[in-house]
Amino acid sequence: EGMVLHRQVLDRLDGETLSTVDLLEAVRAAGFAWEVSPMTS
């Protein structure tokens, strides 16, 4: 449904414009692991 990213992740990805799938992969390629959390609202 959505994502939460820390500023250090956004800085590493350098303001790119990505599809959801490409963003999922880019975060992994930048060395970060995804956590999963239920959507609260």
Full PDB file with SEQRES, HELIX, SHEET, SSBOND, CRYST1, ORIGX, SCALE, CONECT and MASTER records, all heavy atoms in Angstrom:
SEQRES   1 A   41  GLU GLY MET VAL LEU HIS ARG GLN VAL LEU ASP ARG LEU          
SEQRES   2 A   41  ASP GLY GLU THR LEU SER THR VAL ASP LEU LEU GLU ALA          
SEQRES   3 A   41  VAL ARG ALA ALA GLY PHE ALA TRP GLU VAL SER PRO MET          
SEQRES   4 A   41  THR SER                                                      
HELIX    1 AA1 ARG A    7  LEU A   13  1                                   7    
HELIX    2 AA2 THR A   20  ALA A   29  1                                  10    
CRYST1    1.000    1.000    1.000  90.00  90.00  90.00 P 1           1          
ORIGX1      1.000000  0.000000  0.000000        0.00000                         
ORIGX2      0.000000  1.000000  0.000000        0.00000                         
ORIGX3      0.000000  0.000000  1.000000        0.00000                         
SCALE1      1.000000  0.000000  0.000000        0.00000                         
SCALE2      0.000000  1.000000  0.000000        0.00000                         
SCALE3      0.000000  0.000000  1.000000        0.00000                         
ATOM      1  N   GLU A   1       0.823  -1.212   0.000  1.00  0.00           N  
ATOM      2  CA  GLU A   1       0.000   0.000   0.000  1.00  0.00           C  
ATOM      3  C   GLU A   1       0.860   1.266   0.000  1.00  0.00           C  
ATOM      4  O   GLU A   1       0.414   2.323  -0.422  1.00  0.00           O  
ATOM      5  CB  GLU A   1      -0.911   0.029   1.235  1.00  0.00           C  
ATOM      6  CG  GLU A   1      -1.848  -1.141   1.341  1.00  0.00           C  
ATOM      7  CD  GLU A   1      -3.053  -1.015   0.441  1.00  0.00           C  
ATOM      8  OE1 GLU A   1      -3.239   0.049  -0.167  1.00  0.00           O  
ATOM      9  OE2 GLU A   1      -3.806  -1.990   0.346  1.00  0.00           O  
ATOM     10  N   GLY A   2       2.067   1.145   0.536  1.00  0.00           N  
ATOM     11  CA  GLY A   2       2.942   2.308   0.626  1.00  0.00           C  
ATOM     12  C   GLY A   2       4.296   1.908   1.181  1.00  0.00           C  
ATOM     13  O   GLY A   2       4.583   0.724   1.367  1.00  0.00           O  
ATOM     14  N   MET A   3       5.107   2.917   1.435  1.00  0.00           N  
ATOM     15  CA  MET A   3       6.462   2.688   1.924  1.00  0.00           C  
ATOM     16  C   MET A   3       6.836   3.785   2.907  1.00  0.00           C  
ATOM     17  O   MET A   3       6.279   4.882   2.863  1.00  0.00           O  
ATOM     18  CB  MET A   3       7.451   2.719   0.760  1.00  0.00           C  
ATOM     19  CG  MET A   3       7.154   1.699  -0.298  1.00  0.00           C  
ATOM     20  SD  MET A   3       8.186   1.974  -1.741  1.00  0.00           S  
ATOM     21  CE  MET A   3       7.174   1.141  -2.964  1.00  0.00           C  
ATOM     22  N   VAL A   4       7.777   3.469   3.771  1.00  0.00           N  
ATOM     23  CA  VAL A   4       8.388   4.454   4.658  1.00  0.00           C  
ATOM     24  C   VAL A   4       9.886   4.403   4.372  1.00  0.00           C  
ATOM     25  O   VAL A   4      10.482   3.320   4.385  1.00  0.00           O  
ATOM     26  CB  VAL A   4       8.129   4.132   6.150  1.00  0.00           C  
ATOM     27  CG1 VAL A   4       8.855   5.122   7.050  1.00  0.00           C  
ATOM     28  CG2 VAL A   4       6.638   4.111   6.453  1.00  0.00           C  
ATOM     29  N   LEU A   5      10.468   5.556   4.082  1.00  0.00           N  
ATOM     30  CA  LEU A   5      11.908   5.613   3.838  1.00  0.00           C  
ATOM     31  C   LEU A   5      12.548   6.649   4.746  1.00  0.00           C  
ATOM     32  O   LEU A   5      11.986   7.709   5.003  1.00  0.00           O  
ATOM     33  CB  LEU A   5      12.212   5.966   2.381  1.00  0.00           C  
ATOM     34  CG  LEU A   5      11.843   4.917   1.336  1.00  0.00           C  
ATOM     35  CD1 LEU A   5      12.174   5.435  -0.059  1.00  0.00           C  
ATOM     36  CD2 LEU A   5      12.535   3.595   1.601  1.00  0.00           C  
ATOM     37  N   HIS A   6      13.743   6.309   5.211  1.00  0.00           N  
ATOM     38  CA  HIS A   6      14.551   7.215   6.015  1.00  0.00           C  
ATOM     39  C   HIS A   6      15.287   8.164   5.069  1.00  0.00           C  
ATOM     40  O   HIS A   6      15.567   7.832   3.915  1.00  0.00           O  
ATOM     41  CB  HIS A   6      15.563   6.398   6.840  1.00  0.00           C  
ATOM     42  CG  HIS A   6      16.255   7.207   7.883  1.00  0.00           C  
ATOM     43  ND1 HIS A   6      17.351   7.995   7.602  1.00  0.00           N  
ATOM     44  CD2 HIS A   6      16.004   7.359   9.206  1.00  0.00           C  
ATOM     45  CE1 HIS A   6      17.761   8.592   8.703  1.00  0.00           C  
ATOM     46  NE2 HIS A   6      16.952   8.222   9.690  1.00  0.00           N  
ATOM     47  N   ARG A   7      15.627   9.323   5.561  1.00  0.00           N  
ATOM     48  CA  ARG A   7      16.341  10.325   4.771  1.00  0.00           C  
ATOM     49  C   ARG A   7      17.622   9.760   4.149  1.00  0.00           C  
ATOM     50  O   ARG A   7      17.956  10.070   3.005  1.00  0.00           O  
ATOM     51  CB  ARG A   7      16.681  11.531   5.662  1.00  0.00           C  
ATOM     52  CG  ARG A   7      17.350  12.666   4.924  1.00  0.00           C  
ATOM     53  CD  ARG A   7      17.582  13.859   5.830  1.00  0.00           C  
ATOM     54  NE  ARG A   7      16.386  14.320   6.494  1.00  0.00           N  
ATOM     55  CZ  ARG A   7      15.451  15.097   5.937  1.00  0.00           C  
ATOM     56  NH1 ARG A   7      15.575  15.465   4.686  1.00  0.00           N  
ATOM     57  NH2 ARG A   7      14.392  15.484   6.624  1.00  0.00           N  
ATOM     58  N   GLN A   8      18.339   8.887   4.869  1.00  0.00           N  
ATOM     59  CA  GLN A   8      19.593   8.338   4.320  1.00  0.00           C  
ATOM     60  C   GLN A   8      19.344   7.481   3.076  1.00  0.00           C  
ATOM     61  O   GLN A   8      20.167   7.449   2.169  1.00  0.00           O  
ATOM     62  CB  GLN A   8      20.361   7.551   5.369  1.00  0.00           C  
ATOM     63  CG  GLN A   8      19.675   6.278   5.820  1.00  0.00           C  
ATOM     64  CD  GLN A   8      20.396   5.590   6.958  1.00  0.00           C  
ATOM     65  OE1 GLN A   8      21.398   6.069   7.453  1.00  0.00           O  
ATOM     66  NE2 GLN A   8      19.883   4.452   7.379  1.00  0.00           N  
ATOM     67  N   VAL A   9      18.177   6.818   3.016  1.00  0.00           N  
ATOM     68  CA  VAL A   9      17.826   6.034   1.823  1.00  0.00           C  
ATOM     69  C   VAL A   9      17.539   6.983   0.663  1.00  0.00           C  
ATOM     70  O   VAL A   9      18.038   6.796  -0.452  1.00  0.00           O  
ATOM     71  CB  VAL A   9      16.611   5.117   2.083  1.00  0.00           C  
ATOM     72  CG1 VAL A   9      16.230   4.359   0.817  1.00  0.00           C  
ATOM     73  CG2 VAL A   9      16.900   4.158   3.225  1.00  0.00           C  
ATOM     74  N   LEU A  10      16.732   8.015   0.931  1.00  0.00           N  
ATOM     75  CA  LEU A  10      16.412   8.986  -0.117  1.00  0.00           C  
ATOM     76  C   LEU A  10      17.679   9.682  -0.629  1.00  0.00           C  
ATOM     77  O   LEU A  10      17.832   9.891  -1.836  1.00  0.00           O  
ATOM     78  CB  LEU A  10      15.411  10.012   0.405  1.00  0.00           C  
ATOM     79  CG  LEU A  10      14.004   9.471   0.668  1.00  0.00           C  
ATOM     80  CD1 LEU A  10      13.159  10.501   1.395  1.00  0.00           C  
ATOM     81  CD2 LEU A  10      13.342   9.040  -0.616  1.00  0.00           C  
ATOM     82  N   ASP A  11      18.586  10.005   0.271  1.00  0.00           N  
ATOM     83  CA  ASP A  11      19.846  10.639  -0.148  1.00  0.00           C  
ATOM     84  C   ASP A  11      20.642   9.706  -1.059  1.00  0.00           C  
ATOM     85  O   ASP A  11      21.210  10.138  -2.055  1.00  0.00           O  
ATOM     86  CB  ASP A  11      20.695  11.023   1.056  1.00  0.00           C  
ATOM     87  CG  ASP A  11      20.127  12.204   1.834  1.00  0.00           C  
ATOM     88  OD1 ASP A  11      19.214  12.890   1.314  1.00  0.00           O  
ATOM     89  OD2 ASP A  11      20.584  12.430   2.975  1.00  0.00           O  
ATOM     90  N   ARG A  12      20.678   8.438  -0.728  1.00  0.00           N  
ATOM     91  CA  ARG A  12      21.429   7.464  -1.524  1.00  0.00           C  
ATOM     92  C   ARG A  12      20.822   7.294  -2.912  1.00  0.00           C  
ATOM     93  O   ARG A  12      21.521   7.056  -3.882  1.00  0.00           O  
ATOM     94  CB  ARG A  12      21.463   6.125  -0.787  1.00  0.00           C  
ATOM     95  CG  ARG A  12      22.287   5.051  -1.406  1.00  0.00           C  
ATOM     96  CD  ARG A  12      23.732   4.948  -0.951  1.00  0.00           C  
ATOM     97  NE  ARG A  12      23.984   4.952   0.466  1.00  0.00           N  
ATOM     98  CZ  ARG A  12      24.124   3.880   1.235  1.00  0.00           C  
ATOM     99  NH1 ARG A  12      23.993   2.678   0.720  1.00  0.00           N  
ATOM    100  NH2 ARG A  12      24.392   4.012   2.509  1.00  0.00           N  
ATOM    101  N   LEU A  13      19.495   7.434  -3.019  1.00  0.00           N  
ATOM    102  CA  LEU A  13      18.820   7.251  -4.305  1.00  0.00           C  
ATOM    103  C   LEU A  13      18.776   8.544  -5.130  1.00  0.00           C  
ATOM    104  O   LEU A  13      18.327   8.530  -6.277  1.00  0.00           O  
ATOM    105  CB  LEU A  13      17.408   6.703  -4.087  1.00  0.00           C  
ATOM    106  CG  LEU A  13      17.371   5.330  -3.413  1.00  0.00           C  
ATOM    107  CD1 LEU A  13      15.934   4.885  -3.214  1.00  0.00           C  
ATOM    108  CD2 LEU A  13      18.156   4.301  -4.184  1.00  0.00           C  
ATOM    109  N   ASP A  14      19.237   9.644  -4.550  1.00  0.00           N  
ATOM    110  CA  ASP A  14      19.531  10.873  -5.285  1.00  0.00           C  
ATOM    111  C   ASP A  14      18.360  11.444  -6.089  1.00  0.00           C  
ATOM    112  O   ASP A  14      18.529  11.839  -7.244  1.00  0.00           O  
ATOM    113  CB  ASP A  14      20.739  10.643  -6.196  1.00  0.00           C  
ATOM    114  CG  ASP A  14      21.376  11.947  -6.649  1.00  0.00           C  
ATOM    115  OD1 ASP A  14      21.298  12.935  -5.899  1.00  0.00           O  
ATOM    116  OD2 ASP A  14      21.923  11.975  -7.762  1.00  0.00           O  
ATOM    117  N   GLY A  15      17.160  11.461  -5.512  1.00  0.00           N  
ATOM    118  CA  GLY A  15      16.032  12.147  -6.141  1.00  0.00           C  
ATOM    119  C   GLY A  15      15.514  11.551  -7.436  1.00  0.00           C  
ATOM    120  O   GLY A  15      14.920  12.242  -8.251  1.00  0.00           O  
ATOM    121  N   GLU A  16      15.732  10.279  -7.644  1.00  0.00           N  
ATOM    122  CA  GLU A  16      15.277   9.632  -8.876  1.00  0.00           C  
ATOM    123  C   GLU A  16      13.752   9.584  -8.951  1.00  0.00           C  
ATOM    124  O   GLU A  16      13.062   9.724  -7.952  1.00  0.00           O  
ATOM    125  CB  GLU A  16      15.815   8.198  -8.949  1.00  0.00           C  
ATOM    126  CG  GLU A  16      17.326   8.110  -9.070  1.00  0.00           C  
ATOM    127  CD  GLU A  16      17.784   6.678  -9.247  1.00  0.00           C  
ATOM    128  OE1 GLU A  16      17.238   5.978 -10.116  1.00  0.00           O  
ATOM    129  OE2 GLU A  16      18.703   6.273  -8.511  1.00  0.00           O  
ATOM    130  N   THR A  17      13.232   9.348 -10.141  1.00  0.00           N  
ATOM    131  CA  THR A  17      11.816   9.075 -10.352  1.00  0.00           C  
ATOM    132  C   THR A  17      11.727   7.628 -10.813  1.00  0.00           C  
ATOM    133  O   THR A  17      12.314   7.269 -11.834  1.00  0.00           O  
ATOM    134  CB  THR A  17      11.201  10.022 -11.399  1.00  0.00           C  
ATOM    135  OG1 THR A  17      11.291  11.355 -10.895  1.00  0.00           O  
ATOM    136  CG2 THR A  17       9.748   9.676 -11.654  1.00  0.00           C  
ATOM    137  N   LEU A  18      11.036   6.799 -10.026  1.00  0.00           N  
ATOM    138  CA  LEU A  18      11.033   5.356 -10.266  1.00  0.00           C  
ATOM    139  C   LEU A  18       9.622   4.782 -10.181  1.00  0.00           C  
ATOM    140  O   LEU A  18       8.775   5.318  -9.465  1.00  0.00           O  
ATOM    141  CB  LEU A  18      11.901   4.653  -9.209  1.00  0.00           C  
ATOM    142  CG  LEU A  18      13.355   5.075  -9.104  1.00  0.00           C  
ATOM    143  CD1 LEU A  18      13.962   4.546  -7.819  1.00  0.00           C  
ATOM    144  CD2 LEU A  18      14.134   4.565 -10.302  1.00  0.00           C  
ATOM    145  N   SER A  19       9.408   3.659 -10.845  1.00  0.00           N  
ATOM    146  CA  SER A  19       8.185   2.900 -10.636  1.00  0.00           C  
ATOM    147  C   SER A  19       8.285   2.227  -9.273  1.00  0.00           C  
ATOM    148  O   SER A  19       9.369   2.146  -8.686  1.00  0.00           O  
ATOM    149  CB  SER A  19       8.020   1.840 -11.730  1.00  0.00           C  
ATOM    150  OG  SER A  19       8.997   0.822 -11.558  1.00  0.00           O  
ATOM    151  N   THR A  20       7.172   1.730  -8.785  1.00  0.00           N  
ATOM    152  CA  THR A  20       7.187   1.043  -7.491  1.00  0.00           C  
ATOM    153  C   THR A  20       8.150  -0.135  -7.510  1.00  0.00           C  
ATOM    154  O   THR A  20       8.953  -0.318  -6.591  1.00  0.00           O  
ATOM    155  CB  THR A  20       5.769   0.568  -7.125  1.00  0.00           C  
ATOM    156  OG1 THR A  20       4.897   1.699  -7.105  1.00  0.00           O  
ATOM    157  CG2 THR A  20       5.739  -0.106  -5.772  1.00  0.00           C  
ATOM    158  N   VAL A  21       8.094  -0.940  -8.560  1.00  0.00           N  
ATOM    159  CA  VAL A  21       8.965  -2.118  -8.659  1.00  0.00           C  
ATOM    160  C   VAL A  21      10.426  -1.694  -8.713  1.00  0.00           C  
ATOM    161  O   VAL A  21      11.283  -2.267  -8.027  1.00  0.00           O  
ATOM    162  CB  VAL A  21       8.591  -2.977  -9.894  1.00  0.00           C  
ATOM    163  CG1 VAL A  21       9.598  -4.080 -10.121  1.00  0.00           C  
ATOM    164  CG2 VAL A  21       7.197  -3.554  -9.728  1.00  0.00           C  
ATOM    165  N   ASP A  22      10.733  -0.659  -9.505  1.00  0.00           N  
ATOM    166  CA  ASP A  22      12.118  -0.188  -9.602  1.00  0.00           C  
ATOM    167  C   ASP A  22      12.601   0.375  -8.269  1.00  0.00           C  
ATOM    168  O   ASP A  22      13.768   0.216  -7.911  1.00  0.00           O  
ATOM    169  CB  ASP A  22      12.258   0.862 -10.700  1.00  0.00           C  
ATOM    170  CG  ASP A  22      12.129   0.275 -12.091  1.00  0.00           C  
ATOM    171  OD1 ASP A  22      12.297  -0.961 -12.252  1.00  0.00           O  
ATOM    172  OD2 ASP A  22      11.849   1.052 -13.033  1.00  0.00           O  
ATOM    173  N   LEU A  23      11.707   1.034  -7.521  1.00  0.00           N  
ATOM    174  CA  LEU A  23      12.082   1.559  -6.212  1.00  0.00           C  
ATOM    175  C   LEU A  23      12.395   0.423  -5.239  1.00  0.00           C  
ATOM    176  O   LEU A  23      13.373   0.485  -4.494  1.00  0.00           O  
ATOM    177  CB  LEU A  23      10.977   2.455  -5.654  1.00  0.00           C  
ATOM    178  CG  LEU A  23      11.217   3.042  -4.261  1.00  0.00           C  
ATOM    179  CD1 LEU A  23      12.539   3.794  -4.183  1.00  0.00           C  
ATOM    180  CD2 LEU A  23      10.061   3.935  -3.859  1.00  0.00           C  
ATOM    181  N   LEU A  24      11.586  -0.635  -5.260  1.00  0.00           N  
ATOM    182  CA  LEU A  24      11.861  -1.784  -4.397  1.00  0.00           C  
ATOM    183  C   LEU A  24      13.267  -2.320  -4.662  1.00  0.00           C  
ATOM    184  O   LEU A  24      14.029  -2.589  -3.733  1.00  0.00           O  
ATOM    185  CB  LEU A  24      10.828  -2.891  -4.637  1.00  0.00           C  
ATOM    186  CG  LEU A  24       9.401  -2.601  -4.195  1.00  0.00           C  
ATOM    187  CD1 LEU A  24       8.461  -3.678  -4.697  1.00  0.00           C  
ATOM    188  CD2 LEU A  24       9.316  -2.454  -2.696  1.00  0.00           C  
ATOM    189  N   GLU A  25      13.614  -2.469  -5.921  1.00  0.00           N  
ATOM    190  CA  GLU A  25      14.932  -2.987  -6.295  1.00  0.00           C  
ATOM    191  C   GLU A  25      16.045  -1.987  -5.989  1.00  0.00           C  
ATOM    192  O   GLU A  25      17.123  -2.377  -5.539  1.00  0.00           O  
ATOM    193  CB  GLU A  25      14.946  -3.364  -7.776  1.00  0.00           C  
ATOM    194  CG  GLU A  25      14.055  -4.535  -8.118  1.00  0.00           C  
ATOM    195  CD  GLU A  25      14.441  -5.814  -7.378  1.00  0.00           C  
ATOM    196  OE1 GLU A  25      15.651  -6.055  -7.182  1.00  0.00           O  
ATOM    197  OE2 GLU A  25      13.533  -6.555  -6.986  1.00  0.00           O  
ATOM    198  N   ALA A  26      15.814  -0.698  -6.225  1.00  0.00           N  
ATOM    199  CA  ALA A  26      16.835   0.321  -5.994  1.00  0.00           C  
ATOM    200  C   ALA A  26      17.219   0.402  -4.521  1.00  0.00           C  
ATOM    201  O   ALA A  26      18.393   0.578  -4.182  1.00  0.00           O  
ATOM    202  CB  ALA A  26      16.353   1.679  -6.498  1.00  0.00           C  
ATOM    203  N   VAL A  27      16.235   0.259  -3.638  1.00  0.00           N  
ATOM    204  CA  VAL A  27      16.514   0.287  -2.201  1.00  0.00           C  
ATOM    205  C   VAL A  27      17.411  -0.905  -1.834  1.00  0.00           C  
ATOM    206  O   VAL A  27      18.392  -0.755  -1.110  1.00  0.00           O  
ATOM    207  CB  VAL A  27      15.205   0.299  -1.380  1.00  0.00           C  
ATOM    208  CG1 VAL A  27      15.464   0.022   0.095  1.00  0.00           C  
ATOM    209  CG2 VAL A  27      14.488   1.632  -1.572  1.00  0.00           C  
ATOM    210  N   ARG A  28      17.090  -2.075  -2.359  1.00  0.00           N  
ATOM    211  CA  ARG A  28      17.927  -3.261  -2.104  1.00  0.00           C  
ATOM    212  C   ARG A  28      19.332  -3.075  -2.678  1.00  0.00           C  
ATOM    213  O   ARG A  28      20.317  -3.394  -2.030  1.00  0.00           O  
ATOM    214  CB  ARG A  28      17.287  -4.504  -2.709  1.00  0.00           C  
ATOM    215  CG  ARG A  28      16.269  -5.127  -1.812  1.00  0.00           C  
ATOM    216  CD  ARG A  28      15.904  -6.517  -2.289  1.00  0.00           C  
ATOM    217  NE  ARG A  28      14.469  -6.620  -2.200  1.00  0.00           N  
ATOM    218  CZ  ARG A  28      13.663  -6.966  -3.176  1.00  0.00           C  
ATOM    219  NH1 ARG A  28      14.120  -7.308  -4.342  1.00  0.00           N  
ATOM    220  NH2 ARG A  28      12.375  -7.003  -2.989  1.00  0.00           N  
ATOM    221  N   ALA A  29      19.397  -2.567  -3.906  1.00  0.00           N  
ATOM    222  CA  ALA A  29      20.699  -2.369  -4.557  1.00  0.00           C  
ATOM    223  C   ALA A  29      21.550  -1.341  -3.811  1.00  0.00           C  
ATOM    224  O   ALA A  29      22.782  -1.409  -3.855  1.00  0.00           O  
ATOM    225  CB  ALA A  29      20.487  -1.933  -6.008  1.00  0.00           C  
ATOM    226  N   ALA A  30      20.900  -0.410  -3.105  1.00  0.00           N  
ATOM    227  CA  ALA A  30      21.623   0.594  -2.323  1.00  0.00           C  
ATOM    228  C   ALA A  30      22.105   0.035  -0.980  1.00  0.00           C  
ATOM    229  O   ALA A  30      22.743   0.739  -0.209  1.00  0.00           O  
ATOM    230  CB  ALA A  30      20.737   1.811  -2.094  1.00  0.00           C  
ATOM    231  N   GLY A  31      21.773  -1.232  -0.707  1.00  0.00           N  
ATOM    232  CA  GLY A  31      22.268  -1.888   0.499  1.00  0.00           C  
ATOM    233  C   GLY A  31      21.326  -1.880   1.683  1.00  0.00           C  
ATOM    234  O   GLY A  31      21.740  -2.188   2.800  1.00  0.00           O  
ATOM    235  N   PHE A  32      20.067  -1.549   1.454  1.00  0.00           N  
ATOM    236  CA  PHE A  32      19.090  -1.528   2.546  1.00  0.00           C  
ATOM    237  C   PHE A  32      18.146  -2.719   2.426  1.00  0.00           C  
ATOM    238  O   PHE A  32      17.805  -3.132   1.327  1.00  0.00           O  
ATOM    239  CB  PHE A  32      18.273  -0.232   2.514  1.00  0.00           C  
ATOM    240  CG  PHE A  32      19.105   0.997   2.704  1.00  0.00           C  
ATOM    241  CD1 PHE A  32      19.520   1.741   1.606  1.00  0.00           C  
ATOM    242  CD2 PHE A  32      19.486   1.403   3.969  1.00  0.00           C  
ATOM    243  CE1 PHE A  32      20.296   2.881   1.764  1.00  0.00           C  
ATOM    244  CE2 PHE A  32      20.267   2.542   4.137  1.00  0.00           C  
ATOM    245  CZ  PHE A  32      20.670   3.283   3.033  1.00  0.00           C  
ATOM    246  N   ALA A  33      17.734  -3.248   3.568  1.00  0.00           N  
ATOM    247  CA  ALA A  33      16.774  -4.356   3.591  1.00  0.00           C  
ATOM    248  C   ALA A  33      15.390  -3.792   3.898  1.00  0.00           C  
ATOM    249  O   ALA A  33      15.242  -2.879   4.716  1.00  0.00           O  
ATOM    250  CB  ALA A  33      17.166  -5.378   4.656  1.00  0.00           C  
ATOM    251  N   TRP A  34      14.376  -4.331   3.234  1.00  0.00           N  
ATOM    252  CA  TRP A  34      12.996  -3.932   3.495  1.00  0.00           C  
ATOM    253  C   TRP A  34      12.464  -4.654   4.719  1.00  0.00           C  
ATOM    254  O   TRP A  34      12.652  -5.858   4.858  1.00  0.00           O  
ATOM    255  CB  TRP A  34      12.102  -4.272   2.303  1.00  0.00           C  
ATOM    256  CG  TRP A  34      12.276  -3.361   1.138  1.00  0.00           C  
ATOM    257  CD1 TRP A  34      12.967  -3.623  -0.005  1.00  0.00           C  
ATOM    258  CD2 TRP A  34      11.745  -2.052   0.991  1.00  0.00           C  
ATOM    259  NE1 TRP A  34      12.897  -2.552  -0.852  1.00  0.00           N  
ATOM    260  CE2 TRP A  34      12.147  -1.570  -0.266  1.00  0.00           C  
ATOM    261  CE3 TRP A  34      10.962  -1.235   1.801  1.00  0.00           C  
ATOM    262  CZ2 TRP A  34      11.796  -0.306  -0.733  1.00  0.00           C  
ATOM    263  CZ3 TRP A  34      10.617   0.021   1.338  1.00  0.00           C  
ATOM    264  CH2 TRP A  34      11.027   0.475   0.083  1.00  0.00           C  
ATOM    265  N   GLU A  35      11.800  -3.935   5.608  1.00  0.00           N  
ATOM    266  CA  GLU A  35      11.001  -4.525   6.677  1.00  0.00           C  
ATOM    267  C   GLU A  35       9.551  -4.490   6.197  1.00  0.00           C  
ATOM    268  O   GLU A  35       9.208  -3.709   5.316  1.00  0.00           O  
ATOM    269  CB  GLU A  35      11.119  -3.705   7.969  1.00  0.00           C  
ATOM    270  CG  GLU A  35      12.489  -3.721   8.585  1.00  0.00           C  
ATOM    271  CD  GLU A  35      12.551  -2.841   9.834  1.00  0.00           C  
ATOM    272  OE1 GLU A  35      11.495  -2.576  10.450  1.00  0.00           O  
ATOM    273  OE2 GLU A  35      13.653  -2.418  10.169  1.00  0.00           O  
ATOM    274  N   VAL A  36       8.715  -5.324   6.784  1.00  0.00           N  
ATOM    275  CA  VAL A  36       7.301  -5.359   6.413  1.00  0.00           C  
ATOM    276  C   VAL A  36       6.475  -4.992   7.639  1.00  0.00           C  
ATOM    277  O   VAL A  36       6.718  -5.491   8.734  1.00  0.00           O  
ATOM    278  CB  VAL A  36       6.905  -6.766   5.897  1.00  0.00           C  
ATOM    279  CG1 VAL A  36       5.425  -6.834   5.605  1.00  0.00           C  
ATOM    280  CG2 VAL A  36       7.718  -7.120   4.657  1.00  0.00           C  
ATOM    281  N   SER A  37       5.490  -4.105   7.428  1.00  0.00           N  
ATOM    282  CA  SER A  37       4.615  -3.681   8.510  1.00  0.00           C  
ATOM    283  C   SER A  37       3.189  -3.569   7.977  1.00  0.00           C  
ATOM    284  O   SER A  37       2.987  -3.120   6.848  1.00  0.00           O  
ATOM    285  CB  SER A  37       5.066  -2.320   9.043  1.00  0.00           C  
ATOM    286  OG  SER A  37       4.198  -1.872  10.058  1.00  0.00           O  
ATOM    287  N   PRO A  38       2.195  -3.963   8.766  1.00  0.00           N  
ATOM    288  CA  PRO A  38       0.812  -3.793   8.316  1.00  0.00           C  
ATOM    289  C   PRO A  38       0.481  -2.307   8.156  1.00  0.00           C  
ATOM    290  O   PRO A  38       0.961  -1.481   8.915  1.00  0.00           O  
ATOM    291  CB  PRO A  38      -0.033  -4.404   9.431  1.00  0.00           C  
ATOM    292  CG  PRO A  38       0.894  -4.969  10.426  1.00  0.00           C  
ATOM    293  CD  PRO A  38       2.283  -4.567  10.071  1.00  0.00           C  
ATOM    294  N   MET A  39      -0.312  -2.004   7.158  1.00  0.00           N  
ATOM    295  CA  MET A  39      -0.756  -0.626   6.944  1.00  0.00           C  
ATOM    296  C   MET A  39      -1.674  -0.262   8.098  1.00  0.00           C  
ATOM    297  O   MET A  39      -2.644  -0.945   8.373  1.00  0.00           O  
ATOM    298  CB  MET A  39      -1.516  -0.548   5.608  1.00  0.00           C  
ATOM    299  CG  MET A  39      -1.951   0.817   5.242  1.00  0.00           C  
ATOM    300  SD  MET A  39      -0.509   1.778   4.795  1.00  0.00           S  
ATOM    301  CE  MET A  39      -1.304   3.217   4.140  1.00  0.00           C  
ATOM    302  N   THR A  40      -1.369   0.839   8.773  1.00  0.00           N  
ATOM    303  CA  THR A  40      -2.156   1.189   9.956  1.00  0.00           C  
ATOM    304  C   THR A  40      -3.353   2.055   9.625  1.00  0.00           C  
ATOM    305  O   THR A  40      -4.374   1.972  10.283  1.00  0.00           O  
ATOM    306  CB  THR A  40      -1.272   1.941  10.977  1.00  0.00           C  
ATOM    307  OG1 THR A  40      -0.678   3.067  10.319  1.00  0.00           O  
ATOM    308  CG2 THR A  40      -0.208   1.025  11.519  1.00  0.00           C  
ATOM    309  N   SER A  41      -3.247   2.891   8.595  1.00  0.00           N  
ATOM    310  CA  SER A  41      -4.394   3.713   8.206  1.00  0.00           C  
ATOM    311  C   SER A  41      -4.124   4.303   6.827  1.00  0.00           C  
ATOM    312  O   SER A  41      -3.003   4.447   6.408  1.00  0.00           O  
ATOM    313  CB  SER A  41      -4.648   4.830   9.203  1.00  0.00           C  
ATOM    314  OG  SER A  41      -3.564   5.739   9.205  1.00  0.00           O  
TER     315      SER A  41                                                      
MASTER        0    0    0    2    0    0    0    6  314    1    0    4          
END                                                                             
